Amino acid sequence: MGPFHCARACYDIGVPDLAIHGVLPAVVTPFRDDEEIDGAALRNIIDRLIQAGVNGLFAGGSSGEFCTLDEEERAHSLRLCMEAASGRVPVIGNVGSITTRETVRLARAAGEIGLDAIAIVTPYYLRPSQDELFEHYTAVCRAVRLPVLAYNFPQHGGVGLEPKTLGRVAAACENLIGIKDSGGSLEMAAAFLACAERDLIVLVGPEKLTLAALELGCAGVVTGCSNIVPGLFVELYRAWREGRQAEAVRLQGLVDELASTVPLHPFPSILKEGMEQCGIPAGRCRQPVGRVPAEAARTVSNVLAKLANEGFRAAAPKGVTA
């Protein structure tokens, strides 16, 4: 596939032609001091991301602290994201939960909200078998008419979705359009690309794989770090599409430096710290995740200073509070 390949799927399931590709920030959920969702701050964040040129939004994922939200809050946050995007870019919402029953409820709520597509993270903690995962995904796919992406994050979920299982779901459910794979393996991404008899969208999660995954034929990247400096990721994707390989490699190196700060404190606190340092209010994480230690904050600051020297200092969009 050439550098201008853009994943596009069209399904006779009552939804419009849907293009999912490029840079999709995994949107953080900003909280007020009382740990309630800050709707105004979320709108600011989304306006800034869209004005920076991102290709879509991934809402309600790990960066959005979905596992700290109750079911009503998850639906509310997805609604806020959809309203803030206002049709400017596609919005994918993670509705995956620990049970099939709750996942179906959230998936149906996402349909009522009007999301463009949903993602379903593997049921965490329980470690279901591959046959049980097949039953889980097919049950949710059949409960809605929305395009569905599986969401594989074995490091956090405790279980990995195998390519063979994804291929079985794709054969059984035409509204299964692909997968967001955060496993961190380029080999696994390649296996997901080849697991079905029809084309599936593969989005990678770890930022370190961005350029390599695009060259492999993946559709794009879902990235938490783009909350901090979205322009860096937009420029990387643009350089790749335009065939400017040396520039894409250089920008990937900057992405790697930023991504290397994320493990310095429990996720996604570093994302919020970086945003705050760039003047973008995101609030703190919900407890028990606490404040970022001073040493880690200094490391983030040093990386952001380097990015600023490269022209990637974040700024709030016009009409948006910095």
Protein backbone atom coordinates (compact mmCIF):
# COMPACT_ATOMS: atom_id res chain seq x y z
CA MET A 1 0.00 0.00 0.00
CA GLY A 2 1.33 3.45 -0.88
CA PRO A 3 1.72 6.43 1.43
CA PHE A 4 -1.64 7.83 0.32
CA HIS A 5 -3.56 4.72 1.37
CA CYS A 6 -6.53 5.76 3.47
CA ALA A 7 -8.58 3.07 5.14
CA ARG A 8 -12.22 3.37 4.13
CA ALA A 9 -15.01 0.99 4.89
CA CYS A 10 -18.55 1.07 3.55
CA TYR A 11 -21.22 -1.19 4.97
CA ASP A 12 -24.87 -1.78 4.20
CA ILE A 13 -25.82 -1.45 7.86
CA GLY A 14 -27.60 1.87 7.90
CA VAL A 15 -24.51 4.02 8.45
CA PRO A 16 -22.81 6.43 6.05
CA ASP A 17 -19.49 5.78 4.35
CA LEU A 18 -16.93 6.12 7.12
CA ALA A 19 -13.25 6.98 6.77
CA ILE A 20 -11.03 6.32 9.78
CA HIS A 21 -7.37 7.11 9.34
CA GLY A 22 -4.46 9.23 10.46
CA VAL A 23 -4.09 10.81 13.89
CA LEU A 24 -6.84 10.08 16.41
CA PRO A 25 -6.12 11.53 19.86
CA ALA A 26 -7.22 9.36 22.76
CA VAL A 27 -9.02 12.23 24.44
CA VAL A 28 -8.41 12.78 28.15
CA THR A 29 -11.31 13.39 30.51
CA PRO A 30 -10.73 16.64 32.40
CA PHE A 31 -11.94 16.76 35.98
CA ARG A 32 -12.67 19.63 38.31
CA ASP A 33 -11.15 19.70 41.79
CA ASP A 34 -14.16 17.72 43.06
CA GLU A 35 -13.38 15.01 40.45
CA GLU A 36 -16.53 15.74 38.44
CA ILE A 37 -16.22 15.90 34.64
CA ASP A 38 -15.36 19.40 33.44
CA GLY A 39 -17.46 19.83 30.30
CA ALA A 40 -16.11 23.28 29.42
CA ALA A 41 -12.52 22.08 29.64
CA LEU A 42 -13.37 19.07 27.46
CA ARG A 43 -14.81 21.33 24.78
CA ASN A 44 -11.63 23.43 24.86
CA ILE A 45 -9.48 20.32 24.49
CA ILE A 46 -11.48 19.01 21.54
CA ASP A 47 -11.57 22.39 19.77
CA ARG A 48 -7.79 22.60 20.10
CA LEU A 49 -7.27 19.10 18.74
CA ILE A 50 -9.53 19.61 15.75
CA GLN A 51 -8.02 22.98 14.93
CA ALA A 52 -4.60 21.33 15.00
CA GLY A 53 -5.75 19.11 12.14
CA VAL A 54 -6.36 15.69 13.72
CA ASN A 55 -8.32 13.18 11.66
CA GLY A 56 -10.69 11.93 14.34
CA LEU A 57 -11.19 11.45 18.07
CA PHE A 58 -11.01 8.35 20.23
CA ALA A 59 -13.17 8.99 23.30
CA GLY A 60 -13.61 7.05 26.50
CA GLY A 61 -10.37 5.09 26.27
CA SER A 62 -7.59 4.54 28.78
CA SER A 63 -6.39 8.13 28.38
CA GLY A 64 -9.94 9.17 29.22
CA GLU A 65 -9.82 7.20 32.50
CA PHE A 66 -12.93 5.26 31.47
CA CYS A 67 -12.33 2.64 34.16
CA THR A 68 -12.80 5.32 36.84
CA LEU A 69 -16.19 6.39 35.46
CA ASP A 70 -19.51 4.79 36.22
CA GLU A 71 -21.82 3.78 33.37
CA GLU A 72 -23.80 7.02 33.40
CA GLU A 73 -20.61 9.11 33.42
CA ARG A 74 -19.20 7.14 30.51
CA ALA A 75 -22.29 7.81 28.40
CA HIS A 76 -22.25 11.46 29.47
CA SER A 77 -18.60 11.92 28.51
CA LEU A 78 -19.20 10.33 25.10
CA ARG A 79 -22.13 12.68 24.55
CA LEU A 80 -19.96 15.69 25.47
CA CYS A 81 -17.27 14.58 23.02
CA MET A 82 -19.77 14.10 20.22
CA GLU A 83 -21.35 17.48 20.84
CA ALA A 84 -17.98 19.21 20.99
CA ALA A 85 -16.79 17.59 17.76
CA SER A 86 -20.01 18.76 16.08
CA GLY A 87 -19.47 16.67 12.96
CA ARG A 88 -16.05 18.11 12.19
CA VAL A 89 -14.23 14.77 12.56
CA PRO A 90 -15.34 11.19 13.24
CA VAL A 91 -15.72 10.22 16.90
CA ILE A 92 -15.07 6.66 18.05
CA GLY A 93 -16.17 5.85 21.59
CA ASN A 94 -14.91 2.98 23.71
CA VAL A 95 -17.88 1.20 25.27
CA GLY A 96 -16.10 -1.95 26.42
CA SER A 97 -16.87 -3.11 29.94
CA ILE A 98 -16.22 -6.10 32.14
CA THR A 99 -19.50 -7.79 31.19
CA THR A 100 -21.20 -8.31 27.84
CA ARG A 101 -24.44 -7.03 29.33
CA GLU A 102 -23.03 -3.64 30.30
CA THR A 103 -21.08 -3.36 27.06
CA VAL A 104 -24.29 -3.84 25.08
CA ARG A 105 -26.03 -1.14 27.13
CA LEU A 106 -23.21 1.33 26.52
CA ALA A 107 -23.04 0.40 22.84
CA ARG A 108 -26.74 1.10 22.41
CA ALA A 109 -26.35 4.38 24.30
CA ALA A 110 -23.53 5.31 21.90
CA GLY A 111 -25.89 4.67 19.01
CA GLU A 112 -28.49 6.98 20.53
CA ILE A 113 -25.82 9.64 21.07
CA GLY A 114 -24.87 9.40 17.41
CA LEU A 115 -21.25 8.27 17.62
CA ASP A 116 -19.65 7.46 14.29
CA ALA A 117 -18.24 4.17 15.55
CA ILE A 118 -17.61 2.31 18.78
CA ALA A 119 -14.61 0.45 20.14
CA ILE A 120 -14.86 -2.47 22.53
CA VAL A 121 -11.94 -3.11 24.84
CA THR A 122 -11.52 -6.73 25.89
CA PRO A 123 -13.28 -7.47 29.20
CA TYR A 124 -10.68 -6.67 31.83
CA TYR A 125 -9.79 -8.64 34.98
CA LEU A 126 -11.78 -11.75 34.01
CA ARG A 127 -9.38 -13.11 31.38
CA PRO A 128 -11.97 -14.81 29.16
CA SER A 129 -10.96 -17.49 26.66
CA GLN A 130 -10.78 -16.80 22.93
CA ASP A 131 -14.09 -18.58 22.40
CA GLU A 132 -15.65 -16.41 25.10
CA LEU A 133 -14.18 -13.30 23.49
CA PHE A 134 -15.70 -14.37 20.17
CA GLU A 135 -19.11 -14.71 21.80
CA HIS A 136 -18.67 -11.35 23.56
CA TYR A 137 -17.77 -9.43 20.42
CA THR A 138 -20.40 -11.02 18.23
CA ALA A 139 -23.09 -10.35 20.84
CA VAL A 140 -22.22 -6.64 20.97
CA CYS A 141 -21.84 -6.30 17.19
CA ARG A 142 -25.25 -7.88 16.66
CA ALA A 143 -26.86 -5.60 19.25
CA VAL A 144 -26.08 -2.41 17.30
CA ARG A 145 -25.92 -1.08 13.75
CA LEU A 146 -22.82 1.02 14.42
CA PRO A 147 -19.41 0.24 12.96
CA VAL A 148 -17.39 -1.60 15.61
CA LEU A 149 -13.67 -1.77 16.30
CA ALA A 150 -12.24 -4.30 18.71
CA TYR A 151 -9.80 -2.79 21.22
CA ASN A 152 -6.84 -4.91 22.26
CA PHE A 153 -4.82 -3.76 25.29
CA PRO A 154 -3.47 -6.91 26.99
CA GLN A 155 -1.16 -5.01 29.34
CA HIS A 156 -4.13 -3.32 31.01
CA GLY A 157 -6.94 -5.71 30.17
CA GLY A 158 -5.26 -8.92 31.28
CA VAL A 159 -6.17 -10.79 28.09
CA GLY A 160 -5.16 -10.42 24.47
CA LEU A 161 -7.45 -10.77 21.49
CA GLU A 162 -5.86 -13.13 18.97
CA PRO A 163 -5.92 -12.35 15.23
CA LYS A 164 -7.69 -15.64 14.51
CA THR A 165 -10.48 -14.63 16.90
CA LEU A 166 -10.82 -11.21 15.29
CA GLY A 167 -11.07 -12.93 11.90
CA ARG A 168 -13.88 -15.14 13.21
CA VAL A 169 -15.79 -12.09 14.44
CA ALA A 170 -15.27 -10.31 11.11
CA ALA A 171 -16.70 -13.33 9.29
CA ALA A 172 -19.75 -13.39 11.55
CA CYS A 173 -20.43 -9.64 11.81
CA GLU A 174 -20.12 -7.26 8.88
CA ASN A 175 -20.20 -4.20 11.12
CA LEU A 176 -16.88 -5.27 12.69
CA ILE A 177 -14.59 -2.92 10.76
CA GLY A 178 -11.24 -3.40 12.47
CA ILE A 179 -9.23 -3.09 15.64
CA LYS A 180 -7.38 -0.61 17.80
CA ASP A 181 -4.32 -2.58 18.89
CA SER A 182 -2.38 -1.22 21.85
CA GLY A 183 -0.35 -4.38 22.36
CA GLY A 184 2.85 -2.74 21.14
CA SER A 185 3.88 -5.39 18.61
CA LEU A 186 4.31 -4.57 14.93
CA GLU A 187 4.12 -8.29 14.18
CA MET A 188 0.72 -8.47 15.86
CA ALA A 189 -0.50 -5.44 13.90
CA ALA A 190 0.55 -7.23 10.70
CA ALA A 191 -1.32 -10.34 11.81
CA PHE A 192 -4.48 -8.32 12.42
CA LEU A 193 -4.18 -6.81 8.94
CA ALA A 194 -4.16 -10.29 7.44
CA CYS A 195 -6.61 -12.10 9.72
CA ALA A 196 -9.83 -11.75 7.70
CA GLU A 197 -11.02 -12.35 4.16
CA ARG A 198 -11.94 -8.68 3.85
CA ASP A 199 -9.98 -5.52 4.62
CA LEU A 200 -10.00 -4.43 8.24
CA ILE A 201 -8.89 -1.12 9.69
CA VAL A 202 -5.94 -1.48 12.07
CA LEU A 203 -5.08 1.43 14.35
CA VAL A 204 -2.05 1.11 16.59
CA GLY A 205 -1.84 2.44 20.13
CA PRO A 206 1.82 2.87 21.12
CA GLU A 207 3.19 6.08 19.63
CA LYS A 208 6.57 4.43 19.03
CA LEU A 209 4.98 2.33 16.27
CA THR A 210 3.36 5.22 14.40
CA LEU A 211 5.62 5.50 11.37
CA ALA A 212 6.39 1.78 11.10
CA ALA A 213 2.70 0.91 11.36
CA LEU A 214 1.75 3.39 8.65
CA GLU A 215 4.40 1.92 6.36
CA LEU A 216 3.03 -1.55 7.11
CA GLY A 217 -0.44 -0.52 5.93
CA CYS A 218 -2.15 0.36 9.20
CA ALA A 219 -4.71 3.14 8.97
CA GLY A 220 -3.36 5.37 11.72
CA VAL A 221 -2.54 5.86 15.37
CA VAL A 222 -4.65 6.38 18.48
CA THR A 223 -2.41 8.49 20.67
CA GLY A 224 -2.67 9.88 24.17
CA CYS A 225 0.40 12.07 23.73
CA SER A 226 -1.31 14.05 20.98
CA ASN A 227 -3.39 15.66 23.72
CA ILE A 228 -0.20 17.54 24.60
CA VAL A 229 1.20 18.50 21.18
CA PRO A 230 -1.23 17.43 18.45
CA GLY A 231 0.69 19.33 15.79
CA LEU A 232 3.66 16.98 16.12
CA PHE A 233 1.55 13.96 15.21
CA VAL A 234 -0.33 15.79 12.47
CA GLU A 235 2.97 16.83 10.87
CA LEU A 236 4.35 13.30 11.14
CA TYR A 237 1.31 11.88 9.37
CA ARG A 238 1.48 14.60 6.73
CA ALA A 239 5.18 13.98 6.10
CA TRP A 240 4.50 10.26 5.65
CA ARG A 241 1.60 10.85 3.26
CA GLU A 242 3.70 13.25 1.20
CA GLY A 243 6.57 10.78 0.98
CA ARG A 244 9.00 12.96 2.95
CA GLN A 245 10.65 9.98 4.61
CA ALA A 246 13.61 11.74 6.26
CA GLU A 247 11.30 14.30 7.86
CA ALA A 248 8.91 11.59 8.99
CA VAL A 249 11.80 9.72 10.65
CA ARG A 250 12.94 12.91 12.38
CA LEU A 251 9.46 13.62 13.69
CA GLN A 252 9.07 10.03 14.86
CA GLY A 253 12.20 10.57 16.95
CA LEU A 254 10.54 13.55 18.65
CA VAL A 255 7.40 11.47 19.21
CA ASP A 256 9.53 8.79 20.86
CA GLU A 257 11.05 11.32 23.26
CA LEU A 258 7.64 12.57 24.31
CA ALA A 259 6.22 9.04 24.65
CA SER A 260 9.16 8.01 26.83
CA THR A 261 7.87 10.29 29.60
CA VAL A 262 4.47 8.56 29.89
CA PRO A 263 5.64 5.68 32.18
CA LEU A 264 7.12 8.12 34.72
CA HIS A 265 3.89 8.11 36.75
CA PRO A 266 0.63 6.09 36.63
CA PHE A 267 -1.29 6.59 33.42
CA PRO A 268 -2.58 9.05 32.28
CA SER A 269 -1.17 11.56 34.76
CA ILE A 270 1.80 12.50 32.57
CA LEU A 271 -0.58 13.42 29.74
CA LYS A 272 -2.44 15.82 32.00
CA GLU A 273 0.81 17.20 33.40
CA GLY A 274 2.08 17.93 29.90
CA MET A 275 -1.18 19.60 28.95
CA GLU A 276 -1.10 21.79 32.06
CA GLN A 277 2.48 22.81 31.29
CA CYS A 278 1.28 23.83 27.82
CA GLY A 279 -1.49 25.95 29.32
CA ILE A 280 -4.30 23.51 28.52
CA PRO A 281 -6.43 22.84 31.63
CA ALA A 282 -7.07 19.12 32.08
CA GLY A 283 -7.36 18.80 35.85
CA ARG A 284 -5.89 16.00 37.90
CA CYS A 285 -6.58 12.30 37.54
CA ARG A 286 -9.16 10.64 39.70
CA GLN A 287 -7.75 9.13 42.84
CA PRO A 288 -5.95 6.95 43.69
CA VAL A 289 -3.70 8.38 40.95
CA GLY A 290 -2.06 11.41 42.49
CA ARG A 291 0.00 14.38 41.40
CA VAL A 292 3.03 13.89 39.17
CA PRO A 293 6.25 14.03 41.24
CA ALA A 294 8.47 17.05 40.74
CA GLU A 295 11.29 15.12 39.10
CA ALA A 296 8.94 13.59 36.53
CA ALA A 297 7.36 16.99 35.88
CA ARG A 298 10.83 18.43 35.20
CA THR A 299 11.53 15.66 32.70
CA VAL A 300 8.28 16.46 30.90
CA SER A 301 9.19 20.14 30.92
CA ASN A 302 12.58 19.43 29.35
CA VAL A 303 11.01 17.42 26.54
CA LEU A 304 8.40 20.10 25.92
CA ALA A 305 11.14 22.73 25.78
CA LYS A 306 12.86 20.74 23.04
CA LEU A 307 9.59 20.39 21.15
CA ALA A 308 9.01 24.12 21.49
CA ASN A 309 12.38 24.75 19.89
CA GLU A 310 11.22 22.56 17.02
CA GLY A 311 8.08 24.66 16.63
CA PHE A 312 5.66 22.39 18.44
CA ARG A 313 4.76 24.47 21.47
CA ALA A 314 1.08 23.90 22.12
CA ALA A 315 -1.27 26.83 22.03
CA ALA A 316 -4.98 27.20 22.62
CA PRO A 317 -7.11 27.89 19.51
CA LYS A 318 -8.82 31.20 18.89
CA GLY A 319 -11.64 31.83 21.30
CA VAL A 320 -10.50 29.06 23.62
CA THR A 321 -9.08 29.65 27.06
CA ALA A 322 -5.43 28.55 27.27
